Full PDB file with SEQRES, HELIX, SHEET, SSBOND, CRYST1, ORIGX, SCALE, CONECT and MASTER records, all heavy atoms in Angstrom:
SEQRES   1 A   38  ASN HIS ASP VAL ASN ILE HIS VAL GLY ARG VAL GLY THR          
SEQRES   2 A   38  LEU LYS ASP MET GLN LYS CYS ILE TYR ALA GLY VAL ASP          
SEQRES   3 A   38  SER ALA ASP GLY SER ALA LEU ILE ARG ASN GLN LYS              
HELIX    1 AA1 LEU A   14  ALA A   23  1                                  10    
HELIX    2 AA2 ALA A   32  ARG A   35  1                                   4    
SHEET    1 AA1 2 HIS A   7  VAL A   8  0                                        
SHEET    2 AA1 2 SER A  27  ALA A  28  1                                        
CRYST1    1.000    1.000    1.000  90.00  90.00  90.00 P 1           1          
ORIGX1      1.000000  0.000000  0.000000        0.00000                         
ORIGX2      0.000000  1.000000  0.000000        0.00000                         
ORIGX3      0.000000  0.000000  1.000000        0.00000                         
SCALE1      1.000000  0.000000  0.000000        0.00000                         
SCALE2      0.000000  1.000000  0.000000        0.00000                         
SCALE3      0.000000  0.000000  1.000000        0.00000                         
ATOM      1  N   ASN A   1       0.766  -1.220  -0.009  1.00  0.00           N  
ATOM      2  CA  ASN A   1       0.027  -0.033  -0.050  1.00  0.00           C  
ATOM      3  C   ASN A   1       0.829   1.267   0.022  1.00  0.00           C  
ATOM      4  O   ASN A   1       0.406   2.353  -0.439  1.00  0.00           O  
ATOM      5  CB  ASN A   1      -0.958   0.058   1.208  1.00  0.00           C  
ATOM      6  CG  ASN A   1      -2.075  -0.934   1.109  1.00  0.00           C  
ATOM      7  OD1 ASN A   1      -2.428  -1.371  -0.013  1.00  0.00           O  
ATOM      8  ND2 ASN A   1      -2.747  -1.302   2.185  1.00  0.00           N  
ATOM      9  N   HIS A   2       2.047   1.155   0.543  1.00  0.00           N  
ATOM     10  CA  HIS A   2       2.933   2.278   0.605  1.00  0.00           C  
ATOM     11  C   HIS A   2       4.013   2.171  -0.566  1.00  0.00           C  
ATOM     12  O   HIS A   2       4.980   2.931  -0.645  1.00  0.00           O  
ATOM     13  CB  HIS A   2       3.752   2.263   1.900  1.00  0.00           C  
ATOM     14  CG  HIS A   2       2.960   2.796   3.043  1.00  0.00           C  
ATOM     15  ND1 HIS A   2       2.178   1.957   3.842  1.00  0.00           N  
ATOM     16  CD2 HIS A   2       2.732   4.077   3.546  1.00  0.00           C  
ATOM     17  CE1 HIS A   2       1.511   2.646   4.761  1.00  0.00           C  
ATOM     18  NE2 HIS A   2       1.830   3.963   4.579  1.00  0.00           N  
ATOM     19  N   ASP A   3       3.834   1.289  -1.548  1.00  0.00           N  
ATOM     20  CA  ASP A   3       4.678   1.134  -2.715  1.00  0.00           C  
ATOM     21  C   ASP A   3       6.084   0.827  -2.352  1.00  0.00           C  
ATOM     22  O   ASP A   3       7.016   1.348  -3.037  1.00  0.00           O  
ATOM     23  CB  ASP A   3       4.573   2.507  -3.605  1.00  0.00           C  
ATOM     24  CG  ASP A   3       3.167   2.544  -4.138  1.00  0.00           C  
ATOM     25  OD1 ASP A   3       2.586   1.616  -4.567  1.00  0.00           O  
ATOM     26  OD2 ASP A   3       2.711   3.747  -4.244  1.00  0.00           O  
ATOM     27  N   VAL A   4       6.369  -0.012  -1.362  1.00  0.00           N  
ATOM     28  CA  VAL A   4       7.717  -0.487  -1.068  1.00  0.00           C  
ATOM     29  C   VAL A   4       7.678  -1.990  -0.991  1.00  0.00           C  
ATOM     30  O   VAL A   4       6.607  -2.614  -1.001  1.00  0.00           O  
ATOM     31  CB  VAL A   4       8.094   0.068   0.332  1.00  0.00           C  
ATOM     32  CG1 VAL A   4       8.115   1.646   0.328  1.00  0.00           C  
ATOM     33  CG2 VAL A   4       7.328  -0.491   1.499  1.00  0.00           C  
ATOM     34  N   ASN A   5       8.772  -2.551  -1.055  1.00  0.00           N  
ATOM     35  CA  ASN A   5       8.928  -4.052  -1.157  1.00  0.00           C  
ATOM     36  C   ASN A   5       8.895  -4.641   0.234  1.00  0.00           C  
ATOM     37  O   ASN A   5       9.179  -3.872   1.276  1.00  0.00           O  
ATOM     38  CB  ASN A   5      10.184  -4.518  -1.746  1.00  0.00           C  
ATOM     39  CG  ASN A   5      10.243  -4.111  -3.314  1.00  0.00           C  
ATOM     40  OD1 ASN A   5       9.249  -4.190  -3.916  1.00  0.00           O  
ATOM     41  ND2 ASN A   5      11.444  -3.782  -3.770  1.00  0.00           N  
ATOM     42  N   ILE A   6       8.697  -5.907   0.422  1.00  0.00           N  
ATOM     43  CA  ILE A   6       8.804  -6.599   1.623  1.00  0.00           C  
ATOM     44  C   ILE A   6       9.630  -7.869   1.505  1.00  0.00           C  
ATOM     45  O   ILE A   6       9.458  -8.618   0.523  1.00  0.00           O  
ATOM     46  CB  ILE A   6       7.409  -6.949   2.114  1.00  0.00           C  
ATOM     47  CG1 ILE A   6       7.535  -7.674   3.521  1.00  0.00           C  
ATOM     48  CG2 ILE A   6       6.660  -7.788   1.149  1.00  0.00           C  
ATOM     49  CD1 ILE A   6       6.206  -7.800   4.238  1.00  0.00           C  
ATOM     50  N   HIS A   7      10.623  -8.027   2.398  1.00  0.00           N  
ATOM     51  CA  HIS A   7      11.537  -9.131   2.445  1.00  0.00           C  
ATOM     52  C   HIS A   7      11.403  -9.861   3.697  1.00  0.00           C  
ATOM     53  O   HIS A   7      11.152  -9.248   4.790  1.00  0.00           O  
ATOM     54  CB  HIS A   7      12.962  -8.615   2.242  1.00  0.00           C  
ATOM     55  CG  HIS A   7      14.049  -9.646   2.288  1.00  0.00           C  
ATOM     56  ND1 HIS A   7      14.616 -10.092   1.151  1.00  0.00           N  
ATOM     57  CD2 HIS A   7      14.639 -10.277   3.367  1.00  0.00           C  
ATOM     58  CE1 HIS A   7      15.523 -11.045   1.519  1.00  0.00           C  
ATOM     59  NE2 HIS A   7      15.529 -11.092   2.865  1.00  0.00           N  
ATOM     60  N   VAL A   8      11.514 -11.166   3.725  1.00  0.00           N  
ATOM     61  CA  VAL A   8      11.418 -12.027   4.877  1.00  0.00           C  
ATOM     62  C   VAL A   8      12.696 -12.736   5.148  1.00  0.00           C  
ATOM     63  O   VAL A   8      13.245 -13.381   4.229  1.00  0.00           O  
ATOM     64  CB  VAL A   8      10.191 -13.074   4.821  1.00  0.00           C  
ATOM     65  CG1 VAL A   8      10.229 -13.825   6.134  1.00  0.00           C  
ATOM     66  CG2 VAL A   8       8.890 -12.288   4.598  1.00  0.00           C  
ATOM     67  N   GLY A   9      13.215 -12.692   6.341  1.00  0.00           N  
ATOM     68  CA  GLY A   9      14.494 -13.303   6.614  1.00  0.00           C  
ATOM     69  C   GLY A   9      14.358 -14.794   7.226  1.00  0.00           C  
ATOM     70  O   GLY A   9      13.203 -15.045   7.608  1.00  0.00           O  
ATOM     71  N   ARG A  10      15.342 -15.538   7.131  1.00  0.00           N  
ATOM     72  CA  ARG A  10      15.310 -16.929   7.636  1.00  0.00           C  
ATOM     73  C   ARG A  10      14.217 -17.725   7.019  1.00  0.00           C  
ATOM     74  O   ARG A  10      13.389 -18.279   7.750  1.00  0.00           O  
ATOM     75  CB  ARG A  10      15.310 -16.932   9.213  1.00  0.00           C  
ATOM     76  CG  ARG A  10      16.469 -16.129   9.810  1.00  0.00           C  
ATOM     77  CD  ARG A  10      16.667 -16.484  11.268  1.00  0.00           C  
ATOM     78  NE  ARG A  10      15.396 -16.722  12.075  1.00  0.00           N  
ATOM     79  CZ  ARG A  10      14.697 -15.755  12.614  1.00  0.00           C  
ATOM     80  NH1 ARG A  10      14.973 -14.498  12.379  1.00  0.00           N  
ATOM     81  NH2 ARG A  10      13.628 -16.044  13.310  1.00  0.00           N  
ATOM     82  N   VAL A  11      14.213 -17.835   5.770  1.00  0.00           N  
ATOM     83  CA  VAL A  11      13.245 -18.666   4.977  1.00  0.00           C  
ATOM     84  C   VAL A  11      14.089 -19.852   4.369  1.00  0.00           C  
ATOM     85  O   VAL A  11      14.819 -19.600   3.391  1.00  0.00           O  
ATOM     86  CB  VAL A  11      12.520 -17.952   3.949  1.00  0.00           C  
ATOM     87  CG1 VAL A  11      11.582 -18.841   3.128  1.00  0.00           C  
ATOM     88  CG2 VAL A  11      11.690 -16.782   4.727  1.00  0.00           C  
ATOM     89  N   GLY A  12      13.997 -21.028   4.903  1.00  0.00           N  
ATOM     90  CA  GLY A  12      14.930 -22.122   4.379  1.00  0.00           C  
ATOM     91  C   GLY A  12      14.178 -23.459   4.113  1.00  0.00           C  
ATOM     92  O   GLY A  12      14.847 -24.397   3.865  1.00  0.00           O  
ATOM     93  N   THR A  13      12.816 -23.514   4.126  1.00  0.00           N  
ATOM     94  CA  THR A  13      12.131 -24.672   3.803  1.00  0.00           C  
ATOM     95  C   THR A  13      11.082 -24.411   2.682  1.00  0.00           C  
ATOM     96  O   THR A  13      10.703 -23.303   2.452  1.00  0.00           O  
ATOM     97  CB  THR A  13      11.382 -25.207   5.095  1.00  0.00           C  
ATOM     98  OG1 THR A  13      10.356 -24.287   5.430  1.00  0.00           O  
ATOM     99  CG2 THR A  13      12.431 -25.383   6.246  1.00  0.00           C  
ATOM    100  N   LEU A  14      10.611 -25.535   2.153  1.00  0.00           N  
ATOM    101  CA  LEU A  14       9.611 -25.442   1.102  1.00  0.00           C  
ATOM    102  C   LEU A  14       8.292 -24.760   1.684  1.00  0.00           C  
ATOM    103  O   LEU A  14       7.724 -23.869   1.088  1.00  0.00           O  
ATOM    104  CB  LEU A  14       9.212 -26.762   0.523  1.00  0.00           C  
ATOM    105  CG  LEU A  14       7.995 -26.890  -0.392  1.00  0.00           C  
ATOM    106  CD1 LEU A  14       8.226 -26.006  -1.607  1.00  0.00           C  
ATOM    107  CD2 LEU A  14       7.780 -28.258  -0.801  1.00  0.00           C  
ATOM    108  N   LYS A  15       7.931 -25.192   2.863  1.00  0.00           N  
ATOM    109  CA  LYS A  15       6.725 -24.620   3.375  1.00  0.00           C  
ATOM    110  C   LYS A  15       6.818 -23.138   3.775  1.00  0.00           C  
ATOM    111  O   LYS A  15       5.999 -22.336   3.472  1.00  0.00           O  
ATOM    112  CB  LYS A  15       6.422 -25.340   4.758  1.00  0.00           C  
ATOM    113  CG  LYS A  15       5.047 -24.881   5.376  1.00  0.00           C  
ATOM    114  CD  LYS A  15       4.682 -25.685   6.504  1.00  0.00           C  
ATOM    115  CE  LYS A  15       3.291 -25.438   7.099  1.00  0.00           C  
ATOM    116  NZ  LYS A  15       2.794 -26.217   8.218  1.00  0.00           N  
ATOM    117  N   ASP A  16       7.984 -22.679   4.177  1.00  0.00           N  
ATOM    118  CA  ASP A  16       8.200 -21.236   4.459  1.00  0.00           C  
ATOM    119  C   ASP A  16       8.224 -20.505   3.122  1.00  0.00           C  
ATOM    120  O   ASP A  16       7.723 -19.344   3.101  1.00  0.00           O  
ATOM    121  CB  ASP A  16       9.493 -21.032   5.188  1.00  0.00           C  
ATOM    122  CG  ASP A  16       9.395 -21.455   6.616  1.00  0.00           C  
ATOM    123  OD1 ASP A  16       8.328 -21.718   7.188  1.00  0.00           O  
ATOM    124  OD2 ASP A  16      10.498 -21.457   7.344  1.00  0.00           O  
ATOM    125  N   MET A  17       8.848 -21.060   2.069  1.00  0.00           N  
ATOM    126  CA  MET A  17       8.743 -20.375   0.842  1.00  0.00           C  
ATOM    127  C   MET A  17       7.350 -20.221   0.289  1.00  0.00           C  
ATOM    128  O   MET A  17       6.886 -19.181  -0.242  1.00  0.00           O  
ATOM    129  CB  MET A  17       9.588 -21.134  -0.234  1.00  0.00           C  
ATOM    130  CG  MET A  17      11.142 -21.045   0.027  1.00  0.00           C  
ATOM    131  SD  MET A  17      11.994 -21.904  -1.281  1.00  0.00           S  
ATOM    132  CE  MET A  17      13.701 -21.698  -0.707  1.00  0.00           C  
ATOM    133  N   GLN A  18       6.579 -21.298   0.490  1.00  0.00           N  
ATOM    134  CA  GLN A  18       5.113 -21.225   0.067  1.00  0.00           C  
ATOM    135  C   GLN A  18       4.395 -20.148   0.866  1.00  0.00           C  
ATOM    136  O   GLN A  18       3.510 -19.423   0.296  1.00  0.00           O  
ATOM    137  CB  GLN A  18       4.538 -22.605   0.338  1.00  0.00           C  
ATOM    138  CG  GLN A  18       4.804 -23.689  -0.716  1.00  0.00           C  
ATOM    139  CD  GLN A  18       4.170 -24.929  -0.421  1.00  0.00           C  
ATOM    140  OE1 GLN A  18       3.882 -25.361   0.771  1.00  0.00           O  
ATOM    141  NE2 GLN A  18       3.777 -25.531  -1.516  1.00  0.00           N  
ATOM    142  N   LYS A  19       4.690 -20.095   2.160  1.00  0.00           N  
ATOM    143  CA  LYS A  19       4.007 -18.971   2.920  1.00  0.00           C  
ATOM    144  C   LYS A  19       4.304 -17.642   2.437  1.00  0.00           C  
ATOM    145  O   LYS A  19       3.491 -16.826   2.325  1.00  0.00           O  
ATOM    146  CB  LYS A  19       4.500 -19.108   4.425  1.00  0.00           C  
ATOM    147  CG  LYS A  19       4.049 -20.289   5.255  1.00  0.00           C  
ATOM    148  CD  LYS A  19       4.643 -20.212   6.643  1.00  0.00           C  
ATOM    149  CE  LYS A  19       4.256 -21.390   7.493  1.00  0.00           C  
ATOM    150  NZ  LYS A  19       4.857 -21.358   8.800  1.00  0.00           N  
ATOM    151  N   CYS A  20       5.587 -17.407   2.086  1.00  0.00           N  
ATOM    152  CA  CYS A  20       5.984 -16.127   1.529  1.00  0.00           C  
ATOM    153  C   CYS A  20       5.298 -15.838   0.236  1.00  0.00           C  
ATOM    154  O   CYS A  20       4.752 -14.656   0.057  1.00  0.00           O  
ATOM    155  CB  CYS A  20       7.482 -16.057   1.428  1.00  0.00           C  
ATOM    156  SG  CYS A  20       8.378 -15.979   2.953  1.00  0.00           S  
ATOM    157  N   ILE A  21       5.298 -16.773  -0.677  1.00  0.00           N  
ATOM    158  CA  ILE A  21       4.801 -16.587  -1.972  1.00  0.00           C  
ATOM    159  C   ILE A  21       3.226 -16.393  -1.938  1.00  0.00           C  
ATOM    160  O   ILE A  21       2.673 -15.507  -2.585  1.00  0.00           O  
ATOM    161  CB  ILE A  21       5.113 -17.736  -2.969  1.00  0.00           C  
ATOM    162  CG1 ILE A  21       6.687 -17.647  -3.307  1.00  0.00           C  
ATOM    163  CG2 ILE A  21       4.268 -17.657  -4.253  1.00  0.00           C  
ATOM    164  CD1 ILE A  21       7.136 -18.800  -4.056  1.00  0.00           C  
ATOM    165  N   TYR A  22       2.565 -17.120  -1.102  1.00  0.00           N  
ATOM    166  CA  TYR A  22       1.174 -17.089  -0.970  1.00  0.00           C  
ATOM    167  C   TYR A  22       0.772 -15.667  -0.375  1.00  0.00           C  
ATOM    168  O   TYR A  22      -0.239 -15.169  -0.643  1.00  0.00           O  
ATOM    169  CB  TYR A  22       0.689 -18.264   0.026  1.00  0.00           C  
ATOM    170  CG  TYR A  22      -0.830 -18.312   0.217  1.00  0.00           C  
ATOM    171  CD1 TYR A  22      -1.637 -18.575  -0.989  1.00  0.00           C  
ATOM    172  CD2 TYR A  22      -1.511 -18.023   1.326  1.00  0.00           C  
ATOM    173  CE1 TYR A  22      -2.975 -18.685  -0.840  1.00  0.00           C  
ATOM    174  CE2 TYR A  22      -2.843 -18.130   1.515  1.00  0.00           C  
ATOM    175  CZ  TYR A  22      -3.636 -18.415   0.327  1.00  0.00           C  
ATOM    176  OH  TYR A  22      -4.987 -18.477   0.451  1.00  0.00           O  
ATOM    177  N   ALA A  23       1.621 -15.241   0.512  1.00  0.00           N  
ATOM    178  CA  ALA A  23       1.268 -13.841   1.168  1.00  0.00           C  
ATOM    179  C   ALA A  23       1.636 -12.751   0.258  1.00  0.00           C  
ATOM    180  O   ALA A  23       1.203 -11.682   0.458  1.00  0.00           O  
ATOM    181  CB  ALA A  23       2.131 -13.777   2.466  1.00  0.00           C  
ATOM    182  N   GLY A  24       2.477 -13.006  -0.835  1.00  0.00           N  
ATOM    183  CA  GLY A  24       2.825 -11.862  -1.800  1.00  0.00           C  
ATOM    184  C   GLY A  24       4.104 -11.200  -1.361  1.00  0.00           C  
ATOM    185  O   GLY A  24       4.396 -10.045  -1.868  1.00  0.00           O  
ATOM    186  N   VAL A  25       4.997 -11.904  -0.669  1.00  0.00           N  
ATOM    187  CA  VAL A  25       6.292 -11.353  -0.347  1.00  0.00           C  
ATOM    188  C   VAL A  25       7.184 -11.149  -1.651  1.00  0.00           C  
ATOM    189  O   VAL A  25       7.090 -11.935  -2.590  1.00  0.00           O  
ATOM    190  CB  VAL A  25       7.064 -12.317   0.586  1.00  0.00           C  
ATOM    191  CG1 VAL A  25       8.530 -11.988   0.737  1.00  0.00           C  
ATOM    192  CG2 VAL A  25       6.356 -12.348   1.959  1.00  0.00           C  
ATOM    193  N   ASP A  26       7.901 -10.133  -1.701  1.00  0.00           N  
ATOM    194  CA  ASP A  26       8.843  -9.809  -2.875  1.00  0.00           C  
ATOM    195  C   ASP A  26      10.132 -10.542  -2.892  1.00  0.00           C  
ATOM    196  O   ASP A  26      10.631 -10.921  -4.022  1.00  0.00           O  
ATOM    197  CB  ASP A  26       9.049  -8.317  -2.980  1.00  0.00           C  
ATOM    198  CG  ASP A  26       7.879  -7.483  -3.126  1.00  0.00           C  
ATOM    199  OD1 ASP A  26       7.130  -7.623  -4.097  1.00  0.00           O  
ATOM    200  OD2 ASP A  26       7.537  -6.792  -2.148  1.00  0.00           O  
ATOM    201  N   SER A  27      10.653 -10.784  -1.661  1.00  0.00           N  
ATOM    202  CA  SER A  27      12.015 -11.535  -1.625  1.00  0.00           C  
ATOM    203  C   SER A  27      12.203 -12.112  -0.214  1.00  0.00           C  
ATOM    204  O   SER A  27      11.480 -11.685   0.737  1.00  0.00           O  
ATOM    205  CB  SER A  27      13.113 -10.623  -1.963  1.00  0.00           C  
ATOM    206  OG  SER A  27      13.234  -9.508  -0.985  1.00  0.00           O  
ATOM    207  N   ALA A  28      13.094 -13.103  -0.196  1.00  0.00           N  
ATOM    208  CA  ALA A  28      13.333 -13.788   1.044  1.00  0.00           C  
ATOM    209  C   ALA A  28      14.779 -14.316   1.047  1.00  0.00           C  
ATOM    210  O   ALA A  28      15.398 -14.325   0.068  1.00  0.00           O  
ATOM    211  CB  ALA A  28      12.409 -14.886   1.247  1.00  0.00           C  
ATOM    212  N   ASP A  29      15.279 -14.669   2.195  1.00  0.00           N  
ATOM    213  CA  ASP A  29      16.629 -15.237   2.334  1.00  0.00           C  
ATOM    214  C   ASP A  29      16.684 -16.311   3.323  1.00  0.00           C  
ATOM    215  O   ASP A  29      15.782 -16.482   4.191  1.00  0.00           O  
ATOM    216  CB  ASP A  29      17.702 -14.091   2.680  1.00  0.00           C  
ATOM    217  CG  ASP A  29      17.613 -13.771   4.139  1.00  0.00           C  
ATOM    218  OD1 ASP A  29      18.265 -14.353   4.978  1.00  0.00           O  
ATOM    219  OD2 ASP A  29      16.961 -12.718   4.461  1.00  0.00           O  
ATOM    220  N   GLY A  30      17.719 -17.147   3.255  1.00  0.00           N  
ATOM    221  CA  GLY A  30      17.945 -18.246   4.167  1.00  0.00           C  
ATOM    222  C   GLY A  30      19.282 -18.837   4.017  1.00  0.00           C  
ATOM    223  O   GLY A  30      19.856 -18.693   2.945  1.00  0.00           O  
ATOM    224  N   SER A  31      19.778 -19.468   5.100  1.00  0.00           N  
ATOM    225  CA  SER A  31      21.139 -20.119   5.012  1.00  0.00           C  
ATOM    226  C   SER A  31      21.151 -21.599   4.962  1.00  0.00           C  
ATOM    227  O   SER A  31      22.094 -22.188   4.778  1.00  0.00           O  
ATOM    228  CB  SER A  31      21.942 -19.500   6.247  1.00  0.00           C  
ATOM    229  OG  SER A  31      21.348 -19.875   7.454  1.00  0.00           O  
ATOM    230  N   ALA A  32      19.955 -22.172   5.504  1.00  0.00           N  
ATOM    231  CA  ALA A  32      19.976 -23.558   5.771  1.00  0.00           C  
ATOM    232  C   ALA A  32      20.344 -24.501   4.506  1.00  0.00           C  
ATOM    233  O   ALA A  32      21.070 -25.374   4.660  1.00  0.00           O  
ATOM    234  CB  ALA A  32      18.456 -24.076   6.302  1.00  0.00           C  
ATOM    235  N   LEU A  33      19.816 -24.103   3.360  1.00  0.00           N  
ATOM    236  CA  LEU A  33      20.010 -24.965   2.222  1.00  0.00           C  
ATOM    237  C   LEU A  33      21.426 -25.053   1.714  1.00  0.00           C  
ATOM    238  O   LEU A  33      22.001 -25.991   1.477  1.00  0.00           O  
ATOM    239  CB  LEU A  33      19.059 -24.534   1.081  1.00  0.00           C  
ATOM    240  CG  LEU A  33      17.569 -24.826   1.380  1.00  0.00           C  
ATOM    241  CD1 LEU A  33      16.607 -24.296   0.300  1.00  0.00           C  
ATOM    242  CD2 LEU A  33      17.306 -26.306   1.499  1.00  0.00           C  
ATOM    243  N   ILE A  34      22.038 -23.805   1.638  1.00  0.00           N  
ATOM    244  CA  ILE A  34      23.424 -23.799   1.163  1.00  0.00           C  
ATOM    245  C   ILE A  34      24.405 -24.218   2.265  1.00  0.00           C  
ATOM    246  O   ILE A  34      25.414 -24.889   1.967  1.00  0.00           O  
ATOM    247  CB  ILE A  34      23.811 -22.352   0.673  1.00  0.00           C  
ATOM    248  CG1 ILE A  34      25.218 -22.361   0.010  1.00  0.00           C  
ATOM    249  CG2 ILE A  34      23.848 -21.300   1.827  1.00  0.00           C  
ATOM    250  CD1 ILE A  34      25.555 -21.089  -0.710  1.00  0.00           C  
ATOM    251  N   ARG A  35      24.005 -24.026   3.528  1.00  0.00           N  
ATOM    252  CA  ARG A  35      24.893 -24.428   4.630  1.00  0.00           C  
ATOM    253  C   ARG A  35      24.886 -25.946   4.709  1.00  0.00           C  
ATOM    254  O   ARG A  35      25.906 -26.601   4.942  1.00  0.00           O  
ATOM    255  CB  ARG A  35      24.300 -23.899   6.014  1.00  0.00           C  
ATOM    256  CG  ARG A  35      25.208 -24.246   7.185  1.00  0.00           C  
ATOM    257  CD  ARG A  35      24.640 -23.609   8.380  1.00  0.00           C  
ATOM    258  NE  ARG A  35      23.385 -24.155   8.815  1.00  0.00           N  
ATOM    259  CZ  ARG A  35      22.187 -23.451   8.915  1.00  0.00           C  
ATOM    260  NH1 ARG A  35      22.245 -22.149   8.561  1.00  0.00           N  
ATOM    261  NH2 ARG A  35      21.076 -24.051   9.278  1.00  0.00           N  
ATOM    262  N   ASN A  36      23.778 -26.639   4.341  1.00  0.00           N  
ATOM    263  CA  ASN A  36      23.732 -28.096   4.331  1.00  0.00           C  
ATOM    264  C   ASN A  36      23.986 -28.707   2.961  1.00  0.00           C  
ATOM    265  O   ASN A  36      23.652 -29.812   2.734  1.00  0.00           O  
ATOM    266  CB  ASN A  36      22.315 -28.524   4.847  1.00  0.00           C  
ATOM    267  CG  ASN A  36      22.069 -28.075   6.308  1.00  0.00           C  
ATOM    268  OD1 ASN A  36      22.987 -28.168   7.166  1.00  0.00           O  
ATOM    269  ND2 ASN A  36      20.840 -27.676   6.595  1.00  0.00           N  
ATOM    270  N   GLN A  37      24.630 -27.896   2.111  1.00  0.00           N  
ATOM    271  CA  GLN A  37      25.087 -28.410   0.784  1.00  0.00           C  
ATOM    272  C   GLN A  37      23.788 -28.826  -0.057  1.00  0.00           C  
ATOM    273  O   GLN A  37      23.897 -29.814  -0.784  1.00  0.00           O  
ATOM    274  CB  GLN A  37      26.066 -29.419   0.897  1.00  0.00           C  
ATOM    275  CG  GLN A  37      27.347 -28.909   1.581  1.00  0.00           C  
ATOM    276  CD  GLN A  37      28.520 -29.844   1.482  1.00  0.00           C  
ATOM    277  OE1 GLN A  37      28.777 -30.388   0.383  1.00  0.00           O  
ATOM    278  NE2 GLN A  37      29.282 -29.986   2.610  1.00  0.00           N  
ATOM    279  N   LYS A  38      22.631 -28.232   0.166  1.00  0.00           N  
ATOM    280  CA  LYS A  38      21.499 -28.559  -0.600  1.00  0.00           C  
ATOM    281  C   LYS A  38      21.071 -27.287  -1.427  1.00  0.00           C  
ATOM    282  O   LYS A  38      19.910 -27.071  -1.652  1.00  0.00           O  
ATOM    283  CB  LYS A  38      20.377 -28.944   0.390  1.00  0.00           C  
ATOM    284  CG  LYS A  38      20.665 -30.199   1.179  1.00  0.00           C  
ATOM    285  CD  LYS A  38      19.468 -30.568   1.983  1.00  0.00           C  
ATOM    286  CE  LYS A  38      19.685 -31.923   2.708  1.00  0.00           C  
ATOM    287  NZ  LYS A  38      18.498 -32.358   3.602  1.00  0.00           N  
TER     288      LYS A  38                                                      
MASTER        0    0    0    2    2    0    0    6  287    1    0    3          
END                                                                             
């Protein structure tokens, strides 16, 4: 509504990515997948 982006931190699972996309989040980050060589 204020024409700015929204980013969510600590998103490292499929379910969390789904939550973000379903909610309309613009970007996210996470360390779990690369840390665990996935």
